Amino acid sequence: MSSFVERRQRREREALWDARDVAAYLKASRSWVYMKAEAGKLPCIRIGGLLRFHRSAIEAFARGEHG
């Protein structure tokens, strides 16, 4: 059985980020984040009209693990 700390860490790893979070992590502007996401160069998902980003996908992008 998972401990509280393990469950919390897993939730944090799987959390969805918004453009502000991604911009801060990548040290880029929010407009750059939106531009790259809309162009299909930055992995994202749409929830309604909002763009959201999986933290693990953004970390992989930052490491150069993208197409």
C-alpha atoms as a PDB file:
ATOM      1  CA  MET A   1       0.000   0.000   0.000  1.00  0.00           C
ATOM      2  CA  SER A   2       1.260   3.479  -0.884  1.00  0.00           C
ATOM      3  CA  SER A   3       2.121   5.906   1.833  1.00  0.00           C
ATOM      4  CA  PHE A   4       0.674   9.391   1.898  1.00  0.00           C
ATOM      5  CA  VAL A   5       4.021  10.840   0.824  1.00  0.00           C
ATOM      6  CA  GLU A   6       4.303   8.441  -2.141  1.00  0.00           C
ATOM      7  CA  ARG A   7       0.759   9.273  -3.284  1.00  0.00           C
ATOM      8  CA  ARG A   8       1.468  12.992  -2.963  1.00  0.00           C
ATOM      9  CA  GLN A   9       4.703  12.703  -4.947  1.00  0.00           C
ATOM     10  CA  ARG A  10       2.927  10.736  -7.683  1.00  0.00           C
ATOM     11  CA  ARG A  11       0.167  13.374  -7.907  1.00  0.00           C
ATOM     12  CA  GLU A  12       2.786  16.115  -8.198  1.00  0.00           C
ATOM     13  CA  ARG A  13       4.585  14.234 -11.005  1.00  0.00           C
ATOM     14  CA  GLU A  14       1.328  13.668 -12.872  1.00  0.00           C
ATOM     15  CA  ALA A  15      -0.021  17.182 -12.350  1.00  0.00           C
ATOM     16  CA  LEU A  16      -1.130  19.253 -15.296  1.00  0.00           C
ATOM     17  CA  TRP A  17       0.602  22.566 -15.778  1.00  0.00           C
ATOM     18  CA  ASP A  18      -0.804  25.686 -17.369  1.00  0.00           C
ATOM     19  CA  ALA A  19       1.117  27.973 -19.725  1.00  0.00           C
ATOM     20  CA  ARG A  20       2.430  30.062 -16.833  1.00  0.00           C
ATOM     21  CA  ASP A  21       3.944  26.975 -15.171  1.00  0.00           C
ATOM     22  CA  VAL A  22       5.537  25.853 -18.442  1.00  0.00           C
ATOM     23  CA  ALA A  23       6.893  29.316 -19.179  1.00  0.00           C
ATOM     24  CA  ALA A  24       8.488  29.516 -15.741  1.00  0.00           C
ATOM     25  CA  TYR A  25      10.004  26.037 -16.039  1.00  0.00           C
ATOM     26  CA  LEU A  26      11.403  26.673 -19.527  1.00  0.00           C
ATOM     27  CA  LYS A  27      12.332  30.297 -18.762  1.00  0.00           C
ATOM     28  CA  ALA A  28      10.293  31.457 -21.737  1.00  0.00           C
ATOM     29  CA  SER A  29       7.376  33.810 -22.245  1.00  0.00           C
ATOM     30  CA  ARG A  30       3.783  32.608 -22.095  1.00  0.00           C
ATOM     31  CA  SER A  31       3.305  33.775 -25.677  1.00  0.00           C
ATOM     32  CA  TRP A  32       6.193  31.507 -26.763  1.00  0.00           C
ATOM     33  CA  VAL A  33       4.552  28.585 -24.943  1.00  0.00           C
ATOM     34  CA  TYR A  34       1.207  29.219 -26.668  1.00  0.00           C
ATOM     35  CA  MET A  35       2.860  29.674 -30.061  1.00  0.00           C
ATOM     36  CA  LYS A  36       4.824  26.405 -29.822  1.00  0.00           C
ATOM     37  CA  ALA A  37       1.834  24.485 -28.450  1.00  0.00           C
ATOM     38  CA  GLU A  38      -0.468  25.724 -31.209  1.00  0.00           C
ATOM     39  CA  ALA A  39       2.172  24.810 -33.812  1.00  0.00           C
ATOM     40  CA  GLY A  40       2.367  21.268 -32.397  1.00  0.00           C
ATOM     41  CA  LYS A  41       5.981  21.687 -31.296  1.00  0.00           C
ATOM     42  CA  LEU A  42       5.255  21.619 -27.551  1.00  0.00           C
ATOM     43  CA  PRO A  43       3.244  18.655 -26.232  1.00  0.00           C
ATOM     44  CA  CYS A  44      -0.093  19.718 -24.772  1.00  0.00           C
ATOM     45  CA  ILE A  45      -3.677  18.673 -24.278  1.00  0.00           C
ATOM     46  CA  ARG A  46      -6.859  20.690 -24.589  1.00  0.00           C
ATOM     47  CA  ILE A  47      -9.416  20.746 -21.840  1.00  0.00           C
ATOM     48  CA  GLY A  48     -12.306  22.717 -23.212  1.00  0.00           C
ATOM     49  CA  GLY A  49     -10.698  25.866 -24.555  1.00  0.00           C
ATOM     50  CA  LEU A  50      -7.705  25.622 -22.236  1.00  0.00           C
ATOM     51  CA  LEU A  51      -4.237  24.291 -22.969  1.00  0.00           C
ATOM     52  CA  ARG A  52      -2.717  22.083 -20.299  1.00  0.00           C
ATOM     53  CA  PHE A  53       0.630  20.342 -20.216  1.00  0.00           C
ATOM     54  CA  HIS A  54       1.789  17.118 -18.592  1.00  0.00           C
ATOM     55  CA  ARG A  55       4.768  17.918 -16.417  1.00  0.00           C
ATOM     56  CA  SER A  56       6.630  14.797 -17.552  1.00  0.00           C
ATOM     57  CA  ALA A  57       6.157  15.741 -21.229  1.00  0.00           C
ATOM     58  CA  ILE A  58       7.523  19.240 -20.626  1.00  0.00           C
ATOM     59  CA  GLU A  59      10.501  17.850 -18.718  1.00  0.00           C
ATOM     60  CA  ALA A  60      11.193  15.482 -21.654  1.00  0.00           C
ATOM     61  CA  PHE A  61      10.880  18.416 -24.065  1.00  0.00           C
ATOM     62  CA  ALA A  62      13.424  20.371 -22.010  1.00  0.00           C
ATOM     63  CA  ARG A  63      15.821  17.415 -22.177  1.00  0.00           C
ATOM     64  CA  GLY A  64      15.492  17.398 -25.968  1.00  0.00           C
ATOM     65  CA  GLU A  65      13.379  14.246 -26.097  1.00  0.00           C
ATOM     66  CA  HIS A  66      10.890  15.554 -28.639  1.00  0.00           C
ATOM     67  CA  GLY A  67      10.309  15.146 -32.362  1.00  0.00           C
END
